[in-house]
C-alpha atoms as a PDB file:
ATOM      1  CA  MET A   1     100.194  93.488 148.820  1.00  0.00           C
ATOM      2  CA  ARG A   2     100.279  97.173 149.718  1.00  0.00           C
ATOM      3  CA  ASN A   3     102.833  97.792 146.887  1.00  0.00           C
ATOM      4  CA  ARG A   4     100.520  96.081 144.370  1.00  0.00           C
ATOM      5  CA  ILE A   5      97.524  98.162 145.400  1.00  0.00           C
ATOM      6  CA  GLY A   6      99.627 101.316 145.203  1.00  0.00           C
ATOM      7  CA  ALA A   7     100.843 100.335 141.752  1.00  0.00           C
ATOM      8  CA  LEU A   8      97.274  99.638 140.596  1.00  0.00           C
ATOM      9  CA  VAL A   9      96.136 103.056 141.827  1.00  0.00           C
ATOM     10  CA  VAL A  10      98.964 104.734 139.907  1.00  0.00           C
ATOM     11  CA  ILE A  11      98.149 102.743 136.739  1.00  0.00           C
ATOM     12  CA  ALA A  12      94.406 103.453 137.060  1.00  0.00           C
ATOM     13  CA  GLY A  13      95.113 107.165 137.460  1.00  0.00           C
ATOM     14  CA  ALA A  14      97.388 107.200 134.416  1.00  0.00           C
ATOM     15  CA  VAL A  15      94.793 105.346 132.308  1.00  0.00           C
ATOM     16  CA  SER A  16      91.972 107.701 133.323  1.00  0.00           C
ATOM     17  CA  THR A  17      94.193 110.700 132.521  1.00  0.00           C
ATOM     18  CA  ALA A  18      95.068 109.248 129.121  1.00  0.00           C
ATOM     19  CA  ILE A  19      91.417 108.481 128.339  1.00  0.00           C
ATOM     20  CA  GLY A  20      90.441 112.032 129.263  1.00  0.00           C
ATOM     21  CA  ALA A  21      92.984 113.357 126.769  1.00  0.00           C
ATOM     22  CA  PHE A  22      91.173 111.789 123.792  1.00  0.00           C
ATOM     23  CA  PRO A  23      88.327 113.715 122.168  1.00  0.00           C
ATOM     24  CA  THR A  24      84.906 112.213 122.720  1.00  0.00           C
ATOM     25  CA  ARG A  25      83.487 113.308 119.351  1.00  0.00           C
ATOM     26  CA  ALA A  26      84.978 113.451 115.878  1.00  0.00           C
ATOM     27  CA  THR A  27      84.237 117.175 115.718  1.00  0.00           C
ATOM     28  CA  ALA A  28      86.467 117.772 118.738  1.00  0.00           C
ATOM     29  CA  GLN A  29      89.596 116.635 116.901  1.00  0.00           C
ATOM     30  CA  THR A  30      92.234 119.294 116.422  1.00  0.00           C
ATOM     31  CA  ASN A  31      94.421 117.516 113.852  1.00  0.00           C
ATOM     32  CA  THR A  32      92.394 118.671 110.837  1.00  0.00           C
ATOM     33  CA  SER A  33      94.479 119.122 107.728  1.00  0.00           C
ATOM     34  CA  PRO A  34      94.876 122.703 106.463  1.00  0.00           C
ATOM     35  CA  TYR A  35      93.809 121.303 103.080  1.00  0.00           C
ATOM     36  CA  ALA A  36      90.486 119.796 104.248  1.00  0.00           C
ATOM     37  CA  PHE A  37      87.075 121.021 103.099  1.00  0.00           C
ATOM     38  CA  SER A  38      83.462 119.845 102.722  1.00  0.00           C
ATOM     39  CA  VAL A  39      81.385 119.143  99.622  1.00  0.00           C
ATOM     40  CA  SER A  40      77.579 118.951  99.648  1.00  0.00           C
ATOM     41  CA  VAL A  41      76.393 116.722  96.794  1.00  0.00           C
ATOM     42  CA  SER A  42      72.717 116.709  95.799  1.00  0.00           C
ATOM     43  CA  LEU A  43      71.163 114.539  93.109  1.00  0.00           C
ATOM     44  CA  SER A  44      68.075 115.112  91.012  1.00  0.00           C
ATOM     45  CA  PRO A  45      65.195 112.765  91.870  1.00  0.00           C
ATOM     46  CA  LYS A  46      65.774 110.806  88.641  1.00  0.00           C
ATOM     47  CA  ALA A  47      69.498 110.435  89.340  1.00  0.00           C
ATOM     48  CA  SER A  48      68.913 109.394  92.933  1.00  0.00           C
ATOM     49  CA  GLN A  49      66.299 106.835  91.847  1.00  0.00           C
ATOM     50  CA  LYS A  50      68.548 105.383  89.115  1.00  0.00           C
ATOM     51  CA  LEU A  51      71.577 105.079  91.427  1.00  0.00           C
ATOM     52  CA  SER A  52      69.466 103.568  94.210  1.00  0.00           C
ATOM     53  CA  THR A  53      67.924 101.037  91.825  1.00  0.00           C
ATOM     54  CA  LEU A  54      71.394  99.982  90.671  1.00  0.00           C
ATOM     55  CA  SER A  55      72.871 100.055  94.217  1.00  0.00           C
ATOM     56  CA  GLU A  56      75.393 102.533  92.853  1.00  0.00           C
ATOM     57  CA  SER A  57      77.349 105.138  94.843  1.00  0.00           C
ATOM     58  CA  VAL A  58      78.735 108.615  94.152  1.00  0.00           C
ATOM     59  CA  ASN A  59      82.457 109.429  94.208  1.00  0.00           C
ATOM     60  CA  VAL A  60      83.859 112.865  94.991  1.00  0.00           C
ATOM     61  CA  LYS A  61      87.485 113.233  93.897  1.00  0.00           C
ATOM     62  CA  SER A  62      89.696 116.199  94.765  1.00  0.00           C
ATOM     63  CA  PHE A  63      92.751 117.326  92.873  1.00  0.00           C
ATOM     64  CA  TYR A  64      95.114 120.107  93.993  1.00  0.00           C
ATOM     65  CA  TYR A  65      97.434 122.219  91.861  1.00  0.00           C
ATOM     66  CA  ALA A  66      99.421 125.462  91.901  1.00  0.00           C
ATOM     67  CA  LYS A  67     102.130 127.404  90.127  1.00  0.00           C
ATOM     68  CA  LEU A  68     105.679 126.486  91.099  1.00  0.00           C
ATOM     69  CA  ALA A  69     107.502 129.070  93.202  1.00  0.00           C
ATOM     70  CA  ARG A  70     110.611 128.732  91.051  1.00  0.00           C
ATOM     71  CA  LYS A  71     111.198 128.928  87.320  1.00  0.00           C
ATOM     72  CA  PRO A  72     110.828 125.466  85.715  1.00  0.00           C
ATOM     73  CA  THR A  73     114.012 123.691  84.693  1.00  0.00           C
ATOM     74  CA  ARG A  74     114.481 121.889  81.363  1.00  0.00           C
ATOM     75  CA  ALA A  75     113.759 118.618  83.171  1.00  0.00           C
ATOM     76  CA  ASP A  76     110.512 120.129  84.561  1.00  0.00           C
ATOM     77  CA  ILE A  77     109.486 121.216  81.071  1.00  0.00           C
ATOM     78  CA  LYS A  78     110.234 117.800  79.583  1.00  0.00           C
ATOM     79  CA  ARG A  79     108.336 115.993  82.370  1.00  0.00           C
ATOM     80  CA  ALA A  80     105.395 118.384  82.056  1.00  0.00           C
ATOM     81  CA  ARG A  81     105.116 117.792  78.310  1.00  0.00           C
ATOM     82  CA  ALA A  82     105.133 114.021  78.870  1.00  0.00           C
ATOM     83  CA  GLU A  83     102.404 114.393  81.524  1.00  0.00           C
ATOM     84  CA  GLY A  84     100.336 116.824  79.423  1.00  0.00           C
ATOM     85  CA  ARG A  85     100.450 119.747  81.858  1.00  0.00           C
ATOM     86  CA  GLU A  86     101.894 123.238  82.099  1.00  0.00           C
ATOM     87  CA  PRO A  87     105.615 123.238  82.981  1.00  0.00           C
ATOM     88  CA  ASP A  88     105.275 125.878  85.700  1.00  0.00           C
ATOM     89  CA  GLN A  89     102.473 124.014  87.481  1.00  0.00           C
ATOM     90  CA  ILE A  90     102.588 121.244  90.065  1.00  0.00           C
ATOM     91  CA  GLU A  91      99.708 118.801  90.405  1.00  0.00           C
ATOM     92  CA  MET A  92      98.838 116.850  93.546  1.00  0.00           C
ATOM     93  CA  LEU A  93      96.350 114.038  93.951  1.00  0.00           C
ATOM     94  CA  GLY A  94      93.810 114.688  96.682  1.00  0.00           C
ATOM     95  CA  ASP A  95      91.206 112.308  98.055  1.00  0.00           C
ATOM     96  CA  ILE A  96      88.309 110.164  96.887  1.00  0.00           C
ATOM     97  CA  VAL A  97      85.259 110.012  99.142  1.00  0.00           C
ATOM     98  CA  THR A  98      82.316 107.730  98.365  1.00  0.00           C
ATOM     99  CA  LEU A  99      78.760 108.788  99.178  1.00  0.00           C
ATOM    100  CA  PRO A 100      75.516 106.808  99.008  1.00  0.00           C
ATOM    101  CA  ALA A 101      73.154 107.058  96.020  1.00  0.00           C
ATOM    102  CA  ALA A 102      71.275 109.893  97.730  1.00  0.00           C
ATOM    103  CA  GLY A 103      74.374 112.101  97.878  1.00  0.00           C
ATOM    104  CA  GLY A 104      75.244 113.953 101.084  1.00  0.00           C
ATOM    105  CA  ILE A 105      78.249 115.667 102.630  1.00  0.00           C
ATOM    106  CA  ALA A 106      81.728 114.531 101.577  1.00  0.00           C
ATOM    107  CA  GLU A 107      84.406 115.509 104.069  1.00  0.00           C
ATOM    108  CA  MET A 108      87.572 115.817 101.980  1.00  0.00           C
ATOM    109  CA  PRO A 109      90.399 115.272 104.505  1.00  0.00           C
ATOM    110  CA  GLY A 110      93.249 116.672 102.390  1.00  0.00           C
ATOM    111  CA  ARG A 111      95.822 114.386 103.970  1.00  0.00           C
ATOM    112  CA  ASN A 112      97.333 112.882 100.801  1.00  0.00           C
ATOM    113  CA  LEU A 113      99.336 115.937  99.784  1.00  0.00           C
ATOM    114  CA  ASP A 114     103.093 115.530  99.719  1.00  0.00           C
ATOM    115  CA  ALA A 115     104.847 118.133 101.903  1.00  0.00           C
ATOM    116  CA  ALA A 116     107.608 118.609  99.302  1.00  0.00           C
ATOM    117  CA  ASP A 117     105.017 119.346  96.589  1.00  0.00           C
ATOM    118  CA  VAL A 118     103.240 121.860  98.811  1.00  0.00           C
ATOM    119  CA  ALA A 119     106.574 123.504  99.673  1.00  0.00           C
ATOM    120  CA  ALA A 120     107.403 123.757  95.944  1.00  0.00           C
ATOM    121  CA  VAL A 121     104.520 126.197  95.373  1.00  0.00           C
ATOM    122  CA  GLY A 122     105.798 128.636  98.008  1.00  0.00           C
ATOM    123  CA  ARG A 123     103.368 131.512  98.499  1.00  0.00           C
ATOM    124  CA  ASN A 124     101.391 130.806  95.339  1.00  0.00           C
ATOM    125  CA  PRO A 125      97.751 129.990  96.104  1.00  0.00           C
ATOM    126  CA  LEU A 126      96.899 126.309  96.170  1.00  0.00           C
ATOM    127  CA  ARG A 127      93.890 125.529  93.983  1.00  0.00           C
ATOM    128  CA  VAL A 128      91.476 122.613  94.132  1.00  0.00           C
ATOM    129  CA  SER A 129      89.412 120.997  91.419  1.00  0.00           C
ATOM    130  CA  LEU A 130      86.566 118.544  92.058  1.00  0.00           C
ATOM    131  CA  ASN A 131      85.231 115.719  89.971  1.00  0.00           C
ATOM    132  CA  VAL A 132      81.940 114.095  91.055  1.00  0.00           C
ATOM    133  CA  PHE A 133      80.854 110.919  89.264  1.00  0.00           C
ATOM    134  CA  SER A 134      79.076 107.611  89.754  1.00  0.00           C
ATOM    135  CA  ALA A 135      81.327 105.054  91.451  1.00  0.00           C
ATOM    136  CA  ARG A 136      81.012 102.487  88.639  1.00  0.00           C
ATOM    137  CA  LYS A 137      80.318  99.641  91.064  1.00  0.00           C
ATOM    138  CA  ALA A 138      77.148  98.550  89.259  1.00  0.00           C
ATOM    139  CA  ALA A 139      77.355 100.364  85.914  1.00  0.00           C
ATOM    140  CA  PRO A 140      80.563 100.393  83.812  1.00  0.00           C
ATOM    141  CA  ASP A 141      80.186 104.040  82.760  1.00  0.00           C
ATOM    142  CA  ASN A 142      79.653 107.269  84.647  1.00  0.00           C
ATOM    143  CA  LEU A 143      75.938 108.043  84.896  1.00  0.00           C
ATOM    144  CA  LEU A 144      76.138 111.557  86.333  1.00  0.00           C
ATOM    145  CA  ASP A 145      76.469 115.061  84.925  1.00  0.00           C
ATOM    146  CA  CYS A 146      77.596 117.178  87.889  1.00  0.00           C
ATOM    147  CA  ASP A 147      78.471 120.816  88.506  1.00  0.00           C
ATOM    148  CA  LEU A 148      82.146 121.733  88.472  1.00  0.00           C
ATOM    149  CA  PHE A 149      84.321 123.378  91.085  1.00  0.00           C
ATOM    150  CA  ASP A 150      87.794 124.743  90.350  1.00  0.00           C
ATOM    151  CA  ASP A 151      88.982 127.559  92.596  1.00  0.00           C
ATOM    152  CA  ASP A 152      91.413 128.588  95.329  1.00  0.00           C
ATOM    153  CA  LEU A 153      91.588 126.278  98.334  1.00  0.00           C
ATOM    154  CA  SER A 154      90.725 129.236 100.573  1.00  0.00           C
ATOM    155  CA  ARG A 155      87.322 129.449  98.841  1.00  0.00           C
ATOM    156  CA  ALA A 156      86.790 125.703  99.206  1.00  0.00           C
ATOM    157  CA  ARG A 157      87.476 125.941 102.936  1.00  0.00           C
ATOM    158  CA  ALA A 158      85.285 129.027 103.478  1.00  0.00           C
ATOM    159  CA  LYS A 159      81.995 127.121 103.307  1.00  0.00           C
ATOM    160  CA  PRO A 160      80.790 123.761 101.966  1.00  0.00           C
ATOM    161  CA  ILE A 161      81.005 123.517  98.196  1.00  0.00           C
ATOM    162  CA  VAL A 162      77.588 122.775  96.683  1.00  0.00           C
ATOM    163  CA  ILE A 163      77.568 120.357  93.744  1.00  0.00           C
ATOM    164  CA  GLY A 164      74.353 119.398  91.963  1.00  0.00           C
ATOM    165  CA  CYS A 165      74.144 116.248  89.855  1.00  0.00           C
ATOM    166  CA  ARG A 166      71.673 114.849  87.379  1.00  0.00           C
ATOM    167  CA  LEU A 167      71.702 111.902  85.005  1.00  0.00           C
ATOM    168  CA  ILE A 168      73.695 112.389  81.802  1.00  0.00           C
ATOM    169  CA  GLY A 169      71.171 113.638  79.235  1.00  0.00           C
ATOM    170  CA  GLU A 170      68.598 114.619  81.873  1.00  0.00           C
ATOM    171  CA  ARG A 171      67.047 118.059  81.327  1.00  0.00           C
END
């Protein structure tokens, strides 16, 4: 009996130590990707009303790219032509985050980048491009005309990117 109680005390101590090691809030996490950033999406009153009426959402899609660190090979050039891109550039799919019809803050985690692709750019600056559009859950076509962002990742990480959206054709 004494051995069981001793074992339970050891287990309880280990569990409480392990629980204490976990962050209590999402903001306390330290495993943030070096490619993560925030996007603040605002909608015009007309756009917000239209999306709300349709029960539609807003998608924020990130796309990363950079110049290759090495000179492109013939195979790189051939592949680039087939893909419709520059041969000395590498393109990497980012994330898609869905926001409600009212917009809000999209936390782009930047966790989908392939390590080999990132290594291929060497010291060249990684760039990010954003596309913000209606999620097409209720309407088959995009309903939004949104600001653009295409700049160095360091600028994207410096402060939240502000994107304004309105309905297509709205003045």
